[in-house]
Amino acid sequence: MTATVTQSFTRAILSQLAHYDIQLEPAIRAQLADYADQPRLPLPLQDEMWKSIESQVAPGTGLRVGRALMPQHFDTMGFLLLSSPSLSVAVDCLVNYSPLVGEGGQFRKAHESRGWKITYDDQFTTAVTLRIEAIIASIATGASWVAGKNISPTAVLFAHEAQTSLSEYQQVFGQADIQFAQQENAIIYADADWHFKQREVNPAVQAQMLELAKQQLSQLHPQSFEDNVKTLLKNQPWLSRAQMAASLAVSERTLTRKLQLRGMTYQQLTQAVRKHHALEQICLAHVTQASLADYLGYSDEHAFAKAFRRWTGMGFREYRQTHCTVNGH
């Protein structure tokens, strides 16, 4: 299946580039016109568009384009972000639903000593630097929409070398520690900004936007039975086998059989998801062994402690001292 990107995002980019007198080749304009009545267009076509743009723009154009993008340019995704009560919730939405905007890469989040890191793993090979700078700059702008105030990241990481002056990067990212030639493309926010809540948002609107996003994502990528199980576990890692079967409106026997056809068991899936959650949250100051055990659905701390040692070869406290205090993760 060919990857796609939403039309409104493409048109927003083109409208911004019009300020720089960028003219696409007639062949590309004709192909874009062929999809004018479609909600999405093939990513390879947008690749050709970016390739044409790259040959004409000045350094720093990606930053300027990303900074100018507005919520409405991201369709459902934009309004989902604006209905989020905090940056942390908005990033969860970004991680889970970014394909609604485009399928050129994937976002992921992780916690480290400087705060929460949002990493973008791109999958495109055309005009990579230009597109990455536009994407990371749009996140910086979007974070301020969500927070309802101007917030700046603590650090920004680019896999490429600097493309323009440091002052131009600082216009977008403030006084963040901006690093180049890194192993990844990422933006990092302090814990205080991550959980900051200034705007009042309507929970009912957030729920409606989430449901709409889920529907659109299911239409874009119909989920397999296994994917449905993983999605439910990701959001509710405490679900027992019986609760999972009830959520999917099947019997426990059917749940077991369908997973066996995929060469896996429910126990294997739950262990993988619970391990991921545990390692992602263990360095947070407010998290305790007891709170994690409860959140992940273990009967008691002892059961969780045994599972944690099996995953890591260490006890909870030893792992935290080694990986959080010493290494700062």
Protein backbone atom coordinates (compact mmCIF):
# COMPACT_ATOMS: atom_id res chain seq x y z
CA MET A 1 0.00 0.00 0.00
CA THR A 2 1.41 3.39 -1.03
CA ALA A 3 2.04 5.85 1.81
CA THR A 4 0.00 9.04 1.63
CA VAL A 5 -0.15 12.57 3.03
CA THR A 6 -3.11 14.87 3.62
CA GLN A 7 -3.94 17.49 1.01
CA SER A 8 -4.30 20.39 3.44
CA PHE A 9 -0.75 19.87 4.74
CA THR A 10 0.62 19.87 1.19
CA ARG A 11 -1.35 22.97 0.24
CA ALA A 12 -0.18 24.77 3.38
CA ILE A 13 3.43 24.12 2.43
CA LEU A 14 2.85 25.36 -1.11
CA SER A 15 1.09 28.50 0.14
CA GLN A 16 4.06 29.31 2.37
CA LEU A 17 6.54 28.72 -0.42
CA ALA A 18 4.64 31.12 -2.64
CA HIS A 19 6.15 33.87 -0.48
CA TYR A 20 9.57 32.81 -1.78
CA ASP A 21 8.50 32.78 -5.44
CA ILE A 22 8.92 29.00 -5.73
CA GLN A 23 7.55 27.59 -8.97
CA LEU A 24 7.04 23.84 -9.35
CA GLU A 25 7.66 22.14 -12.68
CA PRO A 26 4.54 21.92 -14.87
CA ALA A 27 4.58 18.11 -14.69
CA ILE A 28 4.44 18.15 -10.88
CA ARG A 29 1.71 20.81 -10.87
CA ALA A 30 -0.31 18.66 -13.26
CA GLN A 31 0.05 15.59 -11.06
CA LEU A 32 -0.97 17.55 -7.98
CA ALA A 33 -4.01 18.82 -9.88
CA ASP A 34 -5.02 15.23 -10.63
CA TYR A 35 -5.49 14.71 -6.89
CA ALA A 36 -7.21 18.05 -6.23
CA ASP A 37 -10.53 16.40 -5.35
CA GLN A 38 -8.92 13.73 -3.15
CA PRO A 39 -8.38 14.11 0.62
CA ARG A 40 -4.86 12.61 0.39
CA LEU A 41 -2.14 12.24 -2.21
CA PRO A 42 0.65 9.66 -2.60
CA LEU A 43 3.76 10.41 -0.57
CA PRO A 44 6.02 9.73 -3.62
CA LEU A 45 4.31 12.66 -5.34
CA GLN A 46 5.01 14.91 -2.38
CA ASP A 47 8.60 13.62 -2.51
CA GLU A 48 8.85 14.97 -6.06
CA MET A 49 7.35 18.25 -4.90
CA TRP A 50 9.93 18.58 -2.12
CA LYS A 51 12.73 17.67 -4.53
CA SER A 52 11.70 20.55 -6.78
CA ILE A 53 11.42 22.90 -3.80
CA GLU A 54 14.83 21.94 -2.43
CA SER A 55 16.59 23.05 -5.59
CA GLN A 56 15.14 26.57 -5.29
CA VAL A 57 15.05 27.57 -1.64
CA ALA A 58 17.52 29.41 0.54
CA PRO A 59 18.99 27.90 3.74
CA GLY A 60 16.58 28.11 6.66
CA THR A 61 13.43 27.87 4.55
CA GLY A 62 12.35 24.66 6.29
CA LEU A 63 12.44 26.45 9.66
CA ARG A 64 10.36 29.35 8.33
CA VAL A 65 7.78 27.06 6.72
CA GLY A 66 7.39 24.93 9.86
CA ARG A 67 7.06 27.99 12.07
CA ALA A 68 4.22 29.36 9.91
CA LEU A 69 2.07 26.21 9.88
CA MET A 70 -1.22 26.54 11.78
CA PRO A 71 -3.54 23.96 13.43
CA GLN A 72 -6.01 23.96 10.55
CA HIS A 73 -3.23 22.80 8.23
CA PHE A 74 -3.18 19.46 10.05
CA ASP A 75 -6.90 18.66 9.70
CA THR A 76 -8.21 16.39 12.47
CA MET A 77 -4.72 16.11 13.97
CA GLY A 78 -4.50 19.85 14.52
CA PHE A 79 -7.83 20.10 16.32
CA LEU A 80 -7.00 16.99 18.34
CA LEU A 81 -3.82 18.68 19.55
CA LEU A 82 -5.66 21.90 20.39
CA SER A 83 -8.22 19.96 22.44
CA SER A 84 -5.46 18.37 24.53
CA PRO A 85 -5.18 19.60 28.14
CA SER A 86 -1.36 19.46 28.22
CA LEU A 87 1.68 18.95 26.04
CA SER A 88 2.05 15.40 27.38
CA VAL A 89 -1.43 14.43 26.16
CA ALA A 90 -0.88 16.20 22.84
CA VAL A 91 2.35 14.28 22.23
CA ASP A 92 0.58 10.99 22.96
CA CYS A 93 -1.89 11.97 20.25
CA LEU A 94 0.98 12.86 17.92
CA VAL A 95 2.66 9.51 18.51
CA ASN A 96 -0.55 7.57 17.96
CA TYR A 97 -2.22 9.54 15.16
CA SER A 98 0.46 11.37 13.14
CA PRO A 99 -0.20 9.13 10.07
CA LEU A 100 -3.41 11.13 9.69
CA VAL A 101 -1.20 14.01 8.51
CA GLY A 102 1.44 12.02 6.63
CA GLU A 103 3.10 8.63 6.56
CA GLY A 104 6.66 9.78 5.95
CA GLY A 105 7.85 8.80 9.41
CA GLN A 106 6.91 8.09 13.00
CA PHE A 107 7.09 10.02 16.28
CA ARG A 108 8.12 8.47 19.58
CA LYS A 109 8.67 9.84 23.07
CA ALA A 110 11.07 9.04 25.90
CA HIS A 111 12.16 10.61 29.18
CA GLU A 112 15.73 11.64 29.91
CA SER A 113 17.59 13.92 32.30
CA ARG A 114 16.75 17.09 30.35
CA GLY A 115 13.04 16.30 30.15
CA TRP A 116 10.73 14.62 27.66
CA LYS A 117 12.15 13.94 24.21
CA ILE A 118 10.03 13.77 21.06
CA THR A 119 11.94 11.98 18.30
CA TYR A 120 10.96 11.84 14.64
CA ASP A 121 12.13 8.78 12.72
CA ASP A 122 11.81 9.76 9.07
CA GLN A 123 11.42 7.27 6.26
CA PHE A 124 11.87 9.59 3.30
CA THR A 125 15.02 10.03 1.23
CA THR A 126 14.24 13.24 -0.66
CA ALA A 127 14.92 16.76 0.68
CA VAL A 128 15.42 15.22 4.11
CA THR A 129 17.07 18.19 5.81
CA LEU A 130 14.51 20.68 4.54
CA ARG A 131 11.58 18.52 5.64
CA ILE A 132 13.05 17.64 9.04
CA GLU A 133 13.58 21.30 9.90
CA ALA A 134 10.00 22.08 8.89
CA ILE A 135 8.66 19.22 11.04
CA ILE A 136 10.70 20.04 14.15
CA ALA A 137 9.89 23.76 13.82
CA SER A 138 6.18 22.96 13.54
CA ILE A 139 6.38 20.99 16.80
CA ALA A 140 7.95 23.99 18.55
CA THR A 141 5.12 26.21 17.30
CA GLY A 142 2.48 23.62 18.13
CA ALA A 143 3.75 23.22 21.70
CA SER A 144 2.90 26.86 22.35
CA TRP A 145 -0.59 26.41 20.88
CA VAL A 146 -1.23 23.52 23.23
CA ALA A 147 0.21 25.22 26.34
CA GLY A 148 -1.55 28.50 25.66
CA LYS A 149 1.70 30.35 26.29
CA ASN A 150 5.11 30.65 24.67
CA ILE A 151 7.28 27.74 25.76
CA SER A 152 10.73 26.88 24.48
CA PRO A 153 12.38 23.46 24.36
CA THR A 154 15.39 22.74 26.52
CA ALA A 155 17.24 21.14 23.60
CA VAL A 156 16.88 20.42 19.88
CA LEU A 157 18.82 17.70 18.09
CA PHE A 158 19.39 17.47 14.34
CA ALA A 159 21.05 14.61 12.49
CA HIS A 160 22.31 17.05 9.83
CA GLU A 161 24.79 19.91 9.98
CA ALA A 162 23.67 23.50 10.58
CA GLN A 163 21.99 24.93 7.48
CA THR A 164 21.84 28.59 8.45
CA SER A 165 22.91 30.95 11.24
CA LEU A 166 22.37 30.04 14.88
CA SER A 167 20.28 33.19 15.31
CA GLU A 168 17.76 31.89 12.80
CA TYR A 169 17.42 28.63 14.71
CA GLN A 170 17.01 30.64 17.92
CA GLN A 171 14.10 32.56 16.39
CA VAL A 172 12.24 29.25 16.33
CA PHE A 173 13.64 27.42 19.37
CA GLY A 174 14.54 30.27 21.73
CA GLN A 175 17.53 29.61 23.98
CA ALA A 176 17.38 25.82 23.59
CA ASP A 177 20.64 23.91 23.36
CA ILE A 178 20.69 23.29 19.59
CA GLN A 179 22.96 20.45 18.50
CA PHE A 180 23.82 19.19 15.02
CA ALA A 181 25.27 15.98 13.56
CA GLN A 182 23.45 13.94 16.20
CA GLN A 183 22.12 10.39 16.03
CA GLU A 184 18.50 11.50 15.75
CA ASN A 185 16.14 14.37 15.08
CA ALA A 186 14.43 15.34 18.31
CA ILE A 187 13.09 18.15 20.47
CA ILE A 188 13.13 18.07 24.28
CA TYR A 189 10.84 19.84 26.77
CA ALA A 190 11.28 20.32 30.52
CA ASP A 191 9.03 18.29 32.82
CA ALA A 192 7.28 21.46 34.04
CA ASP A 193 6.26 22.45 30.50
CA TRP A 194 5.36 18.85 29.64
CA HIS A 195 2.59 18.78 32.25
CA PHE A 196 1.69 22.50 32.25
CA LYS A 197 -2.05 23.24 32.02
CA GLN A 198 -3.08 26.82 31.38
CA ARG A 199 -5.89 26.60 28.83
CA GLU A 200 -9.28 25.22 29.83
CA VAL A 201 -10.27 22.45 27.45
CA ASN A 202 -13.54 20.61 27.19
CA PRO A 203 -13.08 16.89 27.96
CA ALA A 204 -16.11 16.08 25.80
CA VAL A 205 -14.51 17.81 22.80
CA GLN A 206 -11.25 15.95 23.41
CA ALA A 207 -13.15 12.65 23.54
CA GLN A 208 -15.00 13.46 20.32
CA MET A 209 -11.77 14.39 18.53
CA LEU A 210 -10.09 11.19 19.75
CA GLU A 211 -12.97 9.08 18.47
CA LEU A 212 -12.84 10.84 15.10
CA ALA A 213 -9.07 10.31 14.91
CA LYS A 214 -9.49 6.62 15.72
CA GLN A 215 -12.11 6.23 13.00
CA GLN A 216 -9.97 7.99 10.41
CA LEU A 217 -6.89 5.98 11.35
CA SER A 218 -8.83 2.72 11.10
CA GLN A 219 -9.95 3.73 7.61
CA LEU A 220 -6.41 4.63 6.65
CA HIS A 221 -4.94 1.44 8.11
CA PRO A 222 -7.52 -1.20 8.97
CA GLN A 223 -6.20 -2.93 12.08
CA SER A 224 -5.72 -6.65 12.41
CA PHE A 225 -7.01 -8.52 15.47
CA GLU A 226 -3.48 -8.51 16.88
CA ASP A 227 -3.19 -4.74 16.36
CA ASN A 228 -6.48 -4.19 18.19
CA VAL A 229 -5.18 -6.19 21.16
CA LYS A 230 -1.90 -4.24 21.21
CA THR A 231 -3.70 -0.89 21.00
CA LEU A 232 -5.97 -1.73 23.91
CA LEU A 233 -3.02 -2.98 25.98
CA LYS A 234 -0.99 0.12 25.20
CA ASN A 235 -3.73 2.31 26.68
CA GLN A 236 -4.84 -0.13 29.40
CA PRO A 237 -1.89 -2.39 30.32
CA TRP A 238 -3.74 -3.77 33.34
CA LEU A 239 -6.36 -5.63 31.26
CA SER A 240 -6.68 -9.31 32.14
CA ARG A 241 -7.35 -11.93 29.48
CA ALA A 242 -11.05 -11.96 30.41
CA GLN A 243 -11.28 -8.15 30.28
CA MET A 244 -9.52 -8.06 26.92
CA ALA A 245 -11.89 -10.67 25.47
CA ALA A 246 -14.87 -8.68 26.73
CA SER A 247 -13.47 -5.45 25.24
CA LEU A 248 -13.19 -7.16 21.84
CA ALA A 249 -16.57 -8.86 22.18
CA VAL A 250 -15.10 -12.35 21.78
CA SER A 251 -14.66 -15.33 24.09
CA GLU A 252 -11.36 -15.97 25.87
CA ARG A 253 -11.03 -19.11 23.77
CA THR A 254 -11.37 -17.11 20.54
CA LEU A 255 -8.87 -14.54 21.81
CA THR A 256 -6.35 -17.29 22.54
CA ARG A 257 -6.92 -19.04 19.21
CA LYS A 258 -6.58 -15.91 17.09
CA LEU A 259 -3.33 -14.93 18.79
CA GLN A 260 -1.97 -18.47 18.43
CA LEU A 261 -2.57 -18.20 14.69
CA ARG A 262 -0.13 -15.27 14.79
CA GLY A 263 2.40 -17.32 16.78
CA MET A 264 1.94 -15.53 20.09
CA THR A 265 0.14 -15.66 23.39
CA TYR A 266 -1.72 -13.05 25.40
CA GLN A 267 0.88 -13.43 28.15
CA GLN A 268 3.69 -12.56 25.73
CA LEU A 269 1.88 -9.43 24.55
CA THR A 270 1.07 -8.23 28.06
CA GLN A 271 4.66 -8.77 29.23
CA ALA A 272 6.07 -6.80 26.30
CA VAL A 273 3.68 -3.89 26.86
CA ARG A 274 4.14 -3.86 30.65
CA LYS A 275 7.93 -3.91 30.30
CA HIS A 276 7.78 -0.96 27.91
CA HIS A 277 5.57 1.04 30.29
CA ALA A 278 7.73 0.19 33.30
CA LEU A 279 11.01 1.25 31.66
CA GLU A 280 9.44 4.39 30.24
CA GLN A 281 8.11 5.57 33.61
CA ILE A 282 10.62 4.29 36.16
CA CYS A 283 12.76 7.45 36.12
CA LEU A 284 9.84 9.77 36.89
CA ALA A 285 10.20 11.14 40.42
CA HIS A 286 6.62 10.39 41.51
CA VAL A 287 6.65 6.76 40.31
CA THR A 288 7.11 4.00 42.91
CA GLN A 289 7.29 0.24 42.63
CA ALA A 290 3.85 0.04 44.24
CA SER A 291 2.27 2.57 41.83
CA LEU A 292 3.72 0.81 38.79
CA ALA A 293 2.59 -2.58 40.04
CA ASP A 294 -0.94 -1.24 40.47
CA TYR A 295 -0.99 0.58 37.12
CA LEU A 296 0.25 -2.47 35.22
CA GLY A 297 -2.32 -4.77 36.78
CA TYR A 298 -0.15 -6.91 39.06
CA SER A 299 -1.79 -8.48 42.10
CA ASP A 300 0.89 -7.09 44.40
CA GLU A 301 4.36 -5.53 44.46
CA HIS A 302 6.04 -8.90 44.82
CA ALA A 303 4.60 -10.19 41.55
CA PHE A 304 5.71 -7.03 39.76
CA ALA A 305 9.19 -7.18 41.35
CA LYS A 306 9.68 -10.73 40.02
CA ALA A 307 8.60 -9.68 36.53
CA PHE A 308 10.85 -6.61 36.59
CA ARG A 309 13.89 -8.66 37.60
CA ARG A 310 13.12 -11.11 34.80
CA TRP A 311 13.00 -8.25 32.26
CA THR A 312 16.14 -6.41 33.36
CA GLY A 313 18.20 -8.72 35.56
CA MET A 314 17.97 -6.08 38.32
CA GLY A 315 15.69 -5.15 41.17
CA PHE A 316 13.54 -2.00 40.86
CA ARG A 317 15.70 0.14 43.16
CA GLU A 318 18.99 -1.08 41.64
CA TYR A 319 17.81 -0.36 38.11
CA ARG A 320 16.62 3.10 39.08
CA GLN A 321 19.89 4.00 40.80
CA THR A 322 21.92 2.76 37.83
CA HIS A 323 19.89 4.08 34.91
CA CYS A 324 18.23 7.18 36.35
CA THR A 325 20.68 8.70 38.82
CA VAL A 326 23.98 7.70 37.19
CA ASN A 327 23.14 7.78 33.50
CA GLY A 328 20.39 10.35 33.74
CA HIS A 329 17.83 8.43 31.69
